Amino acid sequence: EIGRLYHALADGGDALFAAIERELALTLEQVRALKGQEAPLADDPALAHALALRNPYVDPMSLLQVDLLRRWRAGQRQDAALERALFATVRGIARGMQNTG
């Protein structure tokens, strides 16, 4: 759902986004069939738990980032404070996902 919000910021790309959604659904279906389990991480409870703990923090930052991007673009990318806040969300999301920003 958060991906849809980011997509709404883009000009066009509807066919690409639809293809990504289809491929995600197909991939999840195939992983479930190959592993013989309904939940994608049923065989890795530690990772499932880590993601469950992470998402309540990362998801709001993503929602904030979408809003900041919308506002920054509306101001013709001239607002330095919005730009700093935007970069802070990039760093926060990267840290929350345990990847570098």
PDB file of N, CA and C in Angstrom:
ATOM      1  N   GLU A   1       0.819  -1.202   0.000  1.00  0.00           N
ATOM      2  CA  GLU A   1       0.000   0.000   0.000  1.00  0.00           C
ATOM      3  C   GLU A   1       0.857   1.257   0.000  1.00  0.00           C
ATOM      4  N   ILE A   2       1.968   1.219   0.711  1.00  0.00           N
ATOM      5  CA  ILE A   2       2.850   2.383   0.728  1.00  0.00           C
ATOM      6  C   ILE A   2       3.440   2.611  -0.662  1.00  0.00           C
ATOM      7  N   GLY A   3       3.722   1.541  -1.362  1.00  0.00           N
ATOM      8  CA  GLY A   3       4.217   1.666  -2.734  1.00  0.00           C
ATOM      9  C   GLY A   3       3.239   2.421  -3.618  1.00  0.00           C
ATOM     10  N   ARG A   4       1.945   2.221  -3.383  1.00  0.00           N
ATOM     11  CA  ARG A   4       0.931   2.942  -4.155  1.00  0.00           C
ATOM     12  C   ARG A   4       1.021   4.442  -3.907  1.00  0.00           C
ATOM     13  N   LEU A   5       1.334   4.833  -2.684  1.00  0.00           N
ATOM     14  CA  LEU A   5       1.458   6.259  -2.371  1.00  0.00           C
ATOM     15  C   LEU A   5       2.661   6.869  -3.083  1.00  0.00           C
ATOM     16  N   TYR A   6       3.769   6.141  -3.109  1.00  0.00           N
ATOM     17  CA  TYR A   6       4.928   6.622  -3.855  1.00  0.00           C
ATOM     18  C   TYR A   6       4.599   6.698  -5.345  1.00  0.00           C
ATOM     19  N   HIS A   7       3.903   5.669  -5.843  1.00  0.00           N
ATOM     20  CA  HIS A   7       3.539   5.654  -7.250  1.00  0.00           C
ATOM     21  C   HIS A   7       2.660   6.847  -7.609  1.00  0.00           C
ATOM     22  N   ALA A   8       1.785   7.259  -6.700  1.00  0.00           N
ATOM     23  CA  ALA A   8       0.904   8.396  -6.962  1.00  0.00           C
ATOM     24  C   ALA A   8       1.696   9.682  -7.186  1.00  0.00           C
ATOM     25  N   LEU A   9       2.927   9.729  -6.708  1.00  0.00           N
ATOM     26  CA  LEU A   9       3.769  10.906  -6.913  1.00  0.00           C
ATOM     27  C   LEU A   9       4.368  10.944  -8.319  1.00  0.00           C
ATOM     28  N   ALA A  10       4.387   9.805  -8.984  1.00  0.00           N
ATOM     29  CA  ALA A  10       5.036   9.697 -10.287  1.00  0.00           C
ATOM     30  C   ALA A  10       4.100  10.156 -11.398  1.00  0.00           C
ATOM     31  N   ASP A  11       4.707  10.665 -12.446  1.00  0.00           N
ATOM     32  CA  ASP A  11       3.954  10.989 -13.656  1.00  0.00           C
ATOM     33  C   ASP A  11       3.962   9.754 -14.542  1.00  0.00           C
ATOM     34  N   GLY A  12       2.817   9.130 -14.682  1.00  0.00           N
ATOM     35  CA  GLY A  12       2.724   7.935 -15.515  1.00  0.00           C
ATOM     36  C   GLY A  12       3.278   6.725 -14.799  1.00  0.00           C
ATOM     37  N   GLY A  13       3.725   5.761 -15.575  1.00  0.00           N
ATOM     38  CA  GLY A  13       4.282   4.546 -15.004  1.00  0.00           C
ATOM     39  C   GLY A  13       3.249   3.560 -14.510  1.00  0.00           C
ATOM     40  N   ASP A  14       1.988   3.779 -14.881  1.00  0.00           N
ATOM     41  CA  ASP A  14       0.926   2.890 -14.402  1.00  0.00           C
ATOM     42  C   ASP A  14       1.136   1.452 -14.850  1.00  0.00           C
ATOM     43  N   ALA A  15       1.531   1.274 -16.098  1.00  0.00           N
ATOM     44  CA  ALA A  15       1.744  -0.085 -16.614  1.00  0.00           C
ATOM     45  C   ALA A  15       2.902  -0.753 -15.879  1.00  0.00           C
ATOM     46  N   LEU A  16       3.957  -0.007 -15.604  1.00  0.00           N
ATOM     47  CA  LEU A  16       5.102  -0.561 -14.884  1.00  0.00           C
ATOM     48  C   LEU A  16       4.707  -0.949 -13.466  1.00  0.00           C
ATOM     49  N   PHE A  17       3.974  -0.082 -12.788  1.00  0.00           N
ATOM     50  CA  PHE A  17       3.571  -0.387 -11.422  1.00  0.00           C
ATOM     51  C   PHE A  17       2.650  -1.607 -11.392  1.00  0.00           C
ATOM     52  N   ALA A  18       1.747  -1.691 -12.347  1.00  0.00           N
ATOM     53  CA  ALA A  18       0.848  -2.853 -12.427  1.00  0.00           C
ATOM     54  C   ALA A  18       1.656  -4.127 -12.656  1.00  0.00           C
ATOM     55  N   ALA A  19       2.691  -4.041 -13.499  1.00  0.00           N
ATOM     56  CA  ALA A  19       3.537  -5.215 -13.752  1.00  0.00           C
ATOM     57  C   ALA A  19       4.288  -5.622 -12.486  1.00  0.00           C
ATOM     58  N   ILE A  20       4.760  -4.657 -11.721  1.00  0.00           N
ATOM     59  CA  ILE A  20       5.456  -4.951 -10.466  1.00  0.00           C
ATOM     60  C   ILE A  20       4.502  -5.636  -9.495  1.00  0.00           C
ATOM     61  N   GLU A  21       3.277  -5.136  -9.392  1.00  0.00           N
ATOM     62  CA  GLU A  21       2.282  -5.762  -8.513  1.00  0.00           C
ATOM     63  C   GLU A  21       1.990  -7.202  -8.938  1.00  0.00           C
ATOM     64  N   ARG A  22       1.840  -7.423 -10.238  1.00  0.00           N
ATOM     65  CA  ARG A  22       1.574  -8.785 -10.729  1.00  0.00           C
ATOM     66  C   ARG A  22       2.746  -9.706 -10.412  1.00  0.00           C
ATOM     67  N   GLU A  23       3.961  -9.232 -10.639  1.00  0.00           N
ATOM     68  CA  GLU A  23       5.143 -10.053 -10.382  1.00  0.00           C
ATOM     69  C   GLU A  23       5.299 -10.358  -8.893  1.00  0.00           C
ATOM     70  N   LEU A  24       4.976  -9.401  -8.044  1.00  0.00           N
ATOM     71  CA  LEU A  24       5.036  -9.641  -6.602  1.00  0.00           C
ATOM     72  C   LEU A  24       4.049 -10.738  -6.212  1.00  0.00           C
ATOM     73  N   ALA A  25       2.819 -10.632  -6.698  1.00  0.00           N
ATOM     74  CA  ALA A  25       1.805 -11.638  -6.381  1.00  0.00           C
ATOM     75  C   ALA A  25       2.230 -13.016  -6.882  1.00  0.00           C
ATOM     76  N   LEU A  26       2.760 -13.068  -8.093  1.00  0.00           N
ATOM     77  CA  LEU A  26       3.216 -14.337  -8.660  1.00  0.00           C
ATOM     78  C   LEU A  26       4.382 -14.908  -7.856  1.00  0.00           C
ATOM     79  N   THR A  27       5.318 -14.053  -7.485  1.00  0.00           N
ATOM     80  CA  THR A  27       6.479 -14.493  -6.704  1.00  0.00           C
ATOM     81  C   THR A  27       6.040 -15.059  -5.358  1.00  0.00           C
ATOM     82  N   LEU A  28       5.150 -14.353  -4.664  1.00  0.00           N
ATOM     83  CA  LEU A  28       4.657 -14.838  -3.369  1.00  0.00           C
ATOM     84  C   LEU A  28       3.942 -16.173  -3.527  1.00  0.00           C
ATOM     85  N   GLU A  29       3.151 -16.294  -4.571  1.00  0.00           N
ATOM     86  CA  GLU A  29       2.448 -17.547  -4.834  1.00  0.00           C
ATOM     87  C   GLU A  29       3.437 -18.689  -5.072  1.00  0.00           C
ATOM     88  N   GLN A  30       4.469 -18.431  -5.852  1.00  0.00           N
ATOM     89  CA  GLN A  30       5.461 -19.462  -6.161  1.00  0.00           C
ATOM     90  C   GLN A  30       6.284 -19.849  -4.930  1.00  0.00           C
ATOM     91  N   VAL A  31       6.654 -18.870  -4.114  1.00  0.00           N
ATOM     92  CA  VAL A  31       7.413 -19.163  -2.893  1.00  0.00           C
ATOM     93  C   VAL A  31       6.568 -20.018  -1.952  1.00  0.00           C
ATOM     94  N   ARG A  32       5.302 -19.661  -1.802  1.00  0.00           N
ATOM     95  CA  ARG A  32       4.406 -20.461  -0.960  1.00  0.00           C
ATOM     96  C   ARG A  32       4.303 -21.893  -1.477  1.00  0.00           C
ATOM     97  N   ALA A  33       4.169 -22.044  -2.782  1.00  0.00           N
ATOM     98  CA  ALA A  33       4.042 -23.387  -3.373  1.00  0.00           C
ATOM     99  C   ALA A  33       5.333 -24.184  -3.212  1.00  0.00           C
ATOM    100  N   LEU A  34       6.467 -23.542  -3.451  1.00  0.00           N
ATOM    101  CA  LEU A  34       7.748 -24.236  -3.334  1.00  0.00           C
ATOM    102  C   LEU A  34       8.050 -24.660  -1.904  1.00  0.00           C
ATOM    103  N   LYS A  35       7.716 -23.792  -0.960  1.00  0.00           N
ATOM    104  CA  LYS A  35       8.016 -24.085   0.439  1.00  0.00           C
ATOM    105  C   LYS A  35       6.903 -24.871   1.123  1.00  0.00           C
ATOM    106  N   GLY A  36       5.747 -24.928   0.486  1.00  0.00           N
ATOM    107  CA  GLY A  36       4.625 -25.650   1.084  1.00  0.00           C
ATOM    108  C   GLY A  36       4.116 -25.000   2.354  1.00  0.00           C
ATOM    109  N   GLN A  37       4.131 -23.693   2.383  1.00  0.00           N
ATOM    110  CA  GLN A  37       3.669 -22.970   3.564  1.00  0.00           C
ATOM    111  C   GLN A  37       2.896 -21.731   3.129  1.00  0.00           C
ATOM    112  N   GLU A  38       1.957 -21.333   3.947  1.00  0.00           N
ATOM    113  CA  GLU A  38       1.112 -20.200   3.601  1.00  0.00           C
ATOM    114  C   GLU A  38       1.825 -18.866   3.831  1.00  0.00           C
ATOM    115  N   ALA A  39       2.489 -18.723   4.962  1.00  0.00           N
ATOM    116  CA  ALA A  39       3.175 -17.466   5.281  1.00  0.00           C
ATOM    117  C   ALA A  39       4.587 -17.488   4.704  1.00  0.00           C
ATOM    118  N   PRO A  40       5.013 -16.402   4.064  1.00  0.00           N
ATOM    119  CA  PRO A  40       6.340 -16.383   3.430  1.00  0.00           C
ATOM    120  C   PRO A  40       7.499 -16.659   4.395  1.00  0.00           C
ATOM    121  N   LEU A  41       7.384 -16.268   5.646  1.00  0.00           N
ATOM    122  CA  LEU A  41       8.492 -16.439   6.595  1.00  0.00           C
ATOM    123  C   LEU A  41       8.165 -17.454   7.691  1.00  0.00           C
ATOM    124  N   ALA A  42       7.297 -18.391   7.388  1.00  0.00           N
ATOM    125  CA  ALA A  42       6.909 -19.386   8.391  1.00  0.00           C
ATOM    126  C   ALA A  42       8.098 -20.202   8.879  1.00  0.00           C
ATOM    127  N   ASP A  43       9.109 -20.377   8.038  1.00  0.00           N
ATOM    128  CA  ASP A  43      10.275 -21.166   8.422  1.00  0.00           C
ATOM    129  C   ASP A  43      11.396 -20.322   9.023  1.00  0.00           C
ATOM    130  N   ASP A  44      11.156 -19.017   9.180  1.00  0.00           N
ATOM    131  CA  ASP A  44      12.162 -18.125   9.765  1.00  0.00           C
ATOM    132  C   ASP A  44      11.479 -17.182  10.760  1.00  0.00           C
ATOM    133  N   PRO A  45      11.079 -17.721  11.921  1.00  0.00           N
ATOM    134  CA  PRO A  45      10.340 -16.895  12.880  1.00  0.00           C
ATOM    135  C   PRO A  45      11.149 -15.711  13.409  1.00  0.00           C
ATOM    136  N   ALA A  46      12.467 -15.851  13.476  1.00  0.00           N
ATOM    137  CA  ALA A  46      13.279 -14.733  13.963  1.00  0.00           C
ATOM    138  C   ALA A  46      13.192 -13.550  13.001  1.00  0.00           C
ATOM    139  N   LEU A  47      13.292 -13.814  11.707  1.00  0.00           N
ATOM    140  CA  LEU A  47      13.188 -12.739  10.723  1.00  0.00           C
ATOM    141  C   LEU A  47      11.771 -12.175  10.694  1.00  0.00           C
ATOM    142  N   ALA A  48      10.775 -13.036  10.770  1.00  0.00           N
ATOM    143  CA  ALA A  48       9.383 -12.572  10.791  1.00  0.00           C
ATOM    144  C   ALA A  48       9.156 -11.644  11.988  1.00  0.00           C
ATOM    145  N   HIS A  49       9.706 -12.011  13.134  1.00  0.00           N
ATOM    146  CA  HIS A  49       9.568 -11.186  14.340  1.00  0.00           C
ATOM    147  C   HIS A  49      10.293  -9.851  14.167  1.00  0.00           C
ATOM    148  N   ALA A  50      11.498  -9.886  13.601  1.00  0.00           N
ATOM    149  CA  ALA A  50      12.260  -8.655  13.386  1.00  0.00           C
ATOM    150  C   ALA A  50      11.506  -7.699  12.465  1.00  0.00           C
ATOM    151  N   LEU A  51      10.913  -8.231  11.420  1.00  0.00           N
ATOM    152  CA  LEU A  51      10.142  -7.390  10.499  1.00  0.00           C
ATOM    153  C   LEU A  51       8.893  -6.836  11.173  1.00  0.00           C
ATOM    154  N   ALA A  52       8.253  -7.643  11.984  1.00  0.00           N
ATOM    155  CA  ALA A  52       7.061  -7.185  12.698  1.00  0.00           C
ATOM    156  C   ALA A  52       7.395  -6.062  13.674  1.00  0.00           C
ATOM    157  N   LEU A  53       8.588  -6.110  14.251  1.00  0.00           N
ATOM    158  CA  LEU A  53       9.020  -5.041  15.156  1.00  0.00           C
ATOM    159  C   LEU A  53       9.445  -3.798  14.381  1.00  0.00           C
ATOM    160  N   ARG A  54      10.007  -3.979  13.211  1.00  0.00           N
ATOM    161  CA  ARG A  54      10.542  -2.873  12.419  1.00  0.00           C
ATOM    162  C   ARG A  54       9.439  -2.059  11.749  1.00  0.00           C
ATOM    163  N   ASN A  55       8.464  -2.720  11.179  1.00  0.00           N
ATOM    164  CA  ASN A  55       7.482  -2.032  10.336  1.00  0.00           C
ATOM    165  C   ASN A  55       6.709  -0.908  11.027  1.00  0.00           C
ATOM    166  N   PRO A  56       6.343  -1.031  12.297  1.00  0.00           N
ATOM    167  CA  PRO A  56       5.624   0.084  12.927  1.00  0.00           C
ATOM    168  C   PRO A  56       6.447   1.371  13.019  1.00  0.00           C
ATOM    169  N   TYR A  57       7.752   1.263  12.851  1.00  0.00           N
ATOM    170  CA  TYR A  57       8.614   2.450  12.872  1.00  0.00           C
ATOM    171  C   TYR A  57       8.941   2.921  11.462  1.00  0.00           C
ATOM    172  N   VAL A  58       9.194   1.999  10.562  1.00  0.00           N
ATOM    173  CA  VAL A  58       9.582   2.354   9.196  1.00  0.00           C
ATOM    174  C   VAL A  58       8.377   2.843   8.393  1.00  0.00           C
ATOM    175  N   ASP A  59       7.238   2.221   8.555  1.00  0.00           N
ATOM    176  CA  ASP A  59       6.061   2.605   7.768  1.00  0.00           C
ATOM    177  C   ASP A  59       5.667   4.072   7.978  1.00  0.00           C
ATOM    178  N   PRO A  60       5.593   4.577   9.213  1.00  0.00           N
ATOM    179  CA  PRO A  60       5.257   5.994   9.377  1.00  0.00           C
ATOM    180  C   PRO A  60       6.299   6.924   8.751  1.00  0.00           C
ATOM    181  N   MET A  61       7.577   6.521   8.792  1.00  0.00           N
ATOM    182  CA  MET A  61       8.597   7.347   8.132  1.00  0.00           C
ATOM    183  C   MET A  61       8.371   7.376   6.626  1.00  0.00           C
ATOM    184  N   SER A  62       7.933   6.256   6.066  1.00  0.00           N
ATOM    185  CA  SER A  62       7.633   6.209   4.637  1.00  0.00           C
ATOM    186  C   SER A  62       6.451   7.122   4.312  1.00  0.00           C
ATOM    187  N   LEU A  63       5.429   7.079   5.143  1.00  0.00           N
ATOM    188  CA  LEU A  63       4.271   7.950   4.931  1.00  0.00           C
ATOM    189  C   LEU A  63       4.666   9.421   5.039  1.00  0.00           C
ATOM    190  N   LEU A  64       5.520   9.731   6.004  1.00  0.00           N
ATOM    191  CA  LEU A  64       6.026  11.090   6.148  1.00  0.00           C
ATOM    192  C   LEU A  64       6.841  11.481   4.915  1.00  0.00           C
ATOM    193  N   GLN A  65       7.651  10.558   4.426  1.00  0.00           N
ATOM    194  CA  GLN A  65       8.467  10.845   3.253  1.00  0.00           C
ATOM    195  C   GLN A  65       7.598  11.167   2.034  1.00  0.00           C
ATOM    196  N   VAL A  66       6.536  10.432   1.824  1.00  0.00           N
ATOM    197  CA  VAL A  66       5.627  10.711   0.708  1.00  0.00           C
ATOM    198  C   VAL A  66       5.072  12.130   0.835  1.00  0.00           C
ATOM    199  N   ASP A  67       4.640  12.493   2.037  1.00  0.00           N
ATOM    200  CA  ASP A  67       4.099  13.833   2.257  1.00  0.00           C
ATOM    201  C   ASP A  67       5.163  14.899   2.023  1.00  0.00           C
ATOM    202  N   LEU A  68       6.362  14.678   2.535  1.00  0.00           N
ATOM    203  CA  LEU A  68       7.449  15.647   2.347  1.00  0.00           C
ATOM    204  C   LEU A  68       7.814  15.786   0.876  1.00  0.00           C
ATOM    205  N   LEU A  69       7.863  14.685   0.154  1.00  0.00           N
ATOM    206  CA  LEU A  69       8.154  14.749  -1.288  1.00  0.00           C
ATOM    207  C   LEU A  69       7.104  15.576  -2.020  1.00  0.00           C
ATOM    208  N   ARG A  70       5.847  15.337  -1.692  1.00  0.00           N
ATOM    209  CA  ARG A  70       4.754  16.080  -2.333  1.00  0.00           C
ATOM    210  C   ARG A  70       4.903  17.577  -2.064  1.00  0.00           C
ATOM    211  N   ARG A  71       5.164  17.921  -0.815  1.00  0.00           N
ATOM    212  CA  ARG A  71       5.289  19.336  -0.443  1.00  0.00           C
ATOM    213  C   ARG A  71       6.539  19.967  -1.043  1.00  0.00           C
ATOM    214  N   TRP A  72       7.641  19.234  -1.067  1.00  0.00           N
ATOM    215  CA  TRP A  72       8.893  19.743  -1.611  1.00  0.00           C
ATOM    216  C   TRP A  72       8.753  20.021  -3.107  1.00  0.00           C
ATOM    217  N   ARG A  73       8.115  19.090  -3.806  1.00  0.00           N
ATOM    218  CA  ARG A  73       7.888  19.290  -5.249  1.00  0.00           C
ATOM    219  C   ARG A  73       6.949  20.463  -5.505  1.00  0.00           C
ATOM    220  N   ALA A  74       5.904  20.595  -4.683  1.00  0.00           N
ATOM    221  CA  ALA A  74       4.947  21.694  -4.861  1.00  0.00           C
ATOM    222  C   ALA A  74       5.634  23.046  -4.695  1.00  0.00           C
ATOM    223  N   GLY A  75       6.677  23.100  -3.892  1.00  0.00           N
ATOM    224  CA  GLY A  75       7.434  24.339  -3.687  1.00  0.00           C
ATOM    225  C   GLY A  75       8.591  24.482  -4.653  1.00  0.00           C
ATOM    226  N   GLN A  76       8.555  23.755  -5.748  1.00  0.00           N
ATOM    227  CA  GLN A  76       9.616  23.776  -6.764  1.00  0.00           C
ATOM    228  C   GLN A  76      10.993  23.459  -6.188  1.00  0.00           C
ATOM    229  N   ARG A  77      11.003  22.616  -5.176  1.00  0.00           N
ATOM    230  CA  ARG A  77      12.248  22.114  -4.577  1.00  0.00           C
ATOM    231  C   ARG A  77      13.135  23.254  -4.048  1.00  0.00           C
ATOM    232  N   GLN A  78      12.486  24.283  -3.542  1.00  0.00           N
ATOM    233  CA  GLN A  78      13.217  25.457  -3.059  1.00  0.00           C
ATOM    234  C   GLN A  78      13.305  25.536  -1.536  1.00  0.00           C
ATOM    235  N   ASP A  79      12.671  24.632  -0.831  1.00  0.00           N
ATOM    236  CA  ASP A  79      12.599  24.701   0.631  1.00  0.00           C
ATOM    237  C   ASP A  79      13.692  23.832   1.250  1.00  0.00           C
ATOM    238  N   ALA A  80      14.725  24.479   1.774  1.00  0.00           N
ATOM    239  CA  ALA A  80      15.872  23.753   2.337  1.00  0.00           C
ATOM    240  C   ALA A  80      15.477  22.935   3.576  1.00  0.00           C
ATOM    241  N   ALA A  81      14.553  23.450   4.371  1.00  0.00           N
ATOM    242  CA  ALA A  81      14.125  22.713   5.572  1.00  0.00           C
ATOM    243  C   ALA A  81      13.396  21.426   5.173  1.00  0.00           C
ATOM    244  N   LEU A  82      12.542  21.499   4.157  1.00  0.00           N
ATOM    245  CA  LEU A  82      11.866  20.292   3.672  1.00  0.00           C
ATOM    246  C   LEU A  82      12.878  19.307   3.104  1.00  0.00           C
ATOM    247  N   GLU A  83      13.869  19.827   2.405  1.00  0.00           N
ATOM    248  CA  GLU A  83      14.898  18.948   1.832  1.00  0.00           C
ATOM    249  C   GLU A  83      15.674  18.221   2.938  1.00  0.00           C
ATOM    250  N   ARG A  84      16.032  18.927   3.987  1.00  0.00           N
ATOM    251  CA  ARG A  84      16.725  18.292   5.118  1.00  0.00           C
ATOM    252  C   ARG A  84      15.849  17.227   5.768  1.00  0.00           C
ATOM    253  N   ALA A  85      14.565  17.545   5.942  1.00  0.00           N
ATOM    254  CA  ALA A  85      13.638  16.576   6.529  1.00  0.00           C
ATOM    255  C   ALA A  85      13.502  15.355   5.632  1.00  0.00           C
ATOM    256  N   LEU A  86      13.489  15.574   4.333  1.00  0.00           N
ATOM    257  CA  LEU A  86      13.397  14.479   3.370  1.00  0.00           C
ATOM    258  C   LEU A  86      14.605  13.557   3.487  1.00  0.00           C
ATOM    259  N   PHE A  87      15.798  14.143   3.537  1.00  0.00           N
ATOM    260  CA  PHE A  87      17.005  13.333   3.685  1.00  0.00           C
ATOM    261  C   PHE A  87      17.021  12.591   5.026  1.00  0.00           C
ATOM    262  N   ALA A  88      16.450  13.202   6.059  1.00  0.00           N
ATOM    263  CA  ALA A  88      16.363  12.519   7.351  1.00  0.00           C
ATOM    264  C   ALA A  88      15.475  11.279   7.239  1.00  0.00           C
ATOM    265  N   THR A  89      14.390  11.362   6.452  1.00  0.00           N
ATOM    266  CA  THR A  89      13.544  10.184   6.280  1.00  0.00           C
ATOM    267  C   THR A  89      14.268   9.099   5.493  1.00  0.00           C
ATOM    268  N   VAL A  90      15.084   9.505   4.522  1.00  0.00           N
ATOM    269  CA  VAL A  90      15.864   8.514   3.761  1.00  0.00           C
ATOM    270  C   VAL A  90      16.798   7.762   4.709  1.00  0.00           C
ATOM    271  N   ARG A  91      17.507   8.516   5.552  1.00  0.00           N
ATOM    272  CA  ARG A  91      18.416   7.880   6.508  1.00  0.00           C
ATOM    273  C   ARG A  91      17.652   7.016   7.513  1.00  0.00           C
ATOM    274  N   GLY A  92      16.526   7.522   8.013  1.00  0.00           N
ATOM    275  CA  GLY A  92      15.749   6.779   8.986  1.00  0.00           C
ATOM    276  C   GLY A  92      15.196   5.478   8.424  1.00  0.00           C
ATOM    277  N   ILE A  93      14.687   5.520   7.201  1.00  0.00           N
ATOM    278  CA  ILE A  93      14.155   4.322   6.582  1.00  0.00           C
ATOM    279  C   ILE A  93      15.280   3.317   6.326  1.00  0.00           C
ATOM    280  N   ALA A  94      16.419   3.797   5.845  1.00  0.00           N
ATOM    281  CA  ALA A  94      17.551   2.908   5.585  1.00  0.00           C
ATOM    282  C   ALA A  94      18.025   2.246   6.878  1.00  0.00           C
ATOM    283  N   ARG A  95      18.119   3.016   7.944  1.00  0.00           N
ATOM    284  CA  ARG A  95      18.532   2.442   9.227  1.00  0.00           C
ATOM    285  C   ARG A  95      17.508   1.448   9.753  1.00  0.00           C
ATOM    286  N   GLY A  96      16.247   1.811   9.622  1.00  0.00           N
ATOM    287  CA  GLY A  96      15.189   0.926  10.086  1.00  0.00           C
ATOM    288  C   GLY A  96      15.166  -0.393   9.324  1.00  0.00           C
ATOM    289  N   MET A  97      15.528  -0.327   8.059  1.00  0.00           N
ATOM    290  CA  MET A  97      15.562  -1.543   7.245  1.00  0.00           C
ATOM    291  C   MET A  97      16.905  -2.256   7.378  1.00  0.00           C
ATOM    292  N   GLN A  98      17.801  -1.632   8.134  1.00  0.00           N
ATOM    293  CA  GLN A  98      19.148  -2.159   8.381  1.00  0.00           C
ATOM    294  C   GLN A  98      19.961  -2.229   7.096  1.00  0.00           C
ATOM    295  N   ASN A  99      19.812  -1.201   6.281  1.00  0.00           N
ATOM    296  CA  ASN A  99      20.614  -1.020   5.081  1.00  0.00           C
ATOM    297  C   ASN A  99      21.190   0.373   5.118  1.00  0.00           C
ATOM    298  N   THR A 100      22.236   0.615   4.368  1.00  0.00           N
ATOM    299  CA  THR A 100      22.820   1.940   4.356  1.00  0.00           C
ATOM    300  C   THR A 100      21.978   2.871   3.513  1.00  0.00           C
ATOM    301  N   GLY A 101      22.025   4.148   3.815  1.00  0.00           N
ATOM    302  CA  GLY A 101      21.274   5.152   3.073  1.00  0.00           C
ATOM    303  C   GLY A 101      22.188   5.871   2.167  1.00  0.00           C
TER     304      GLY A 101
END
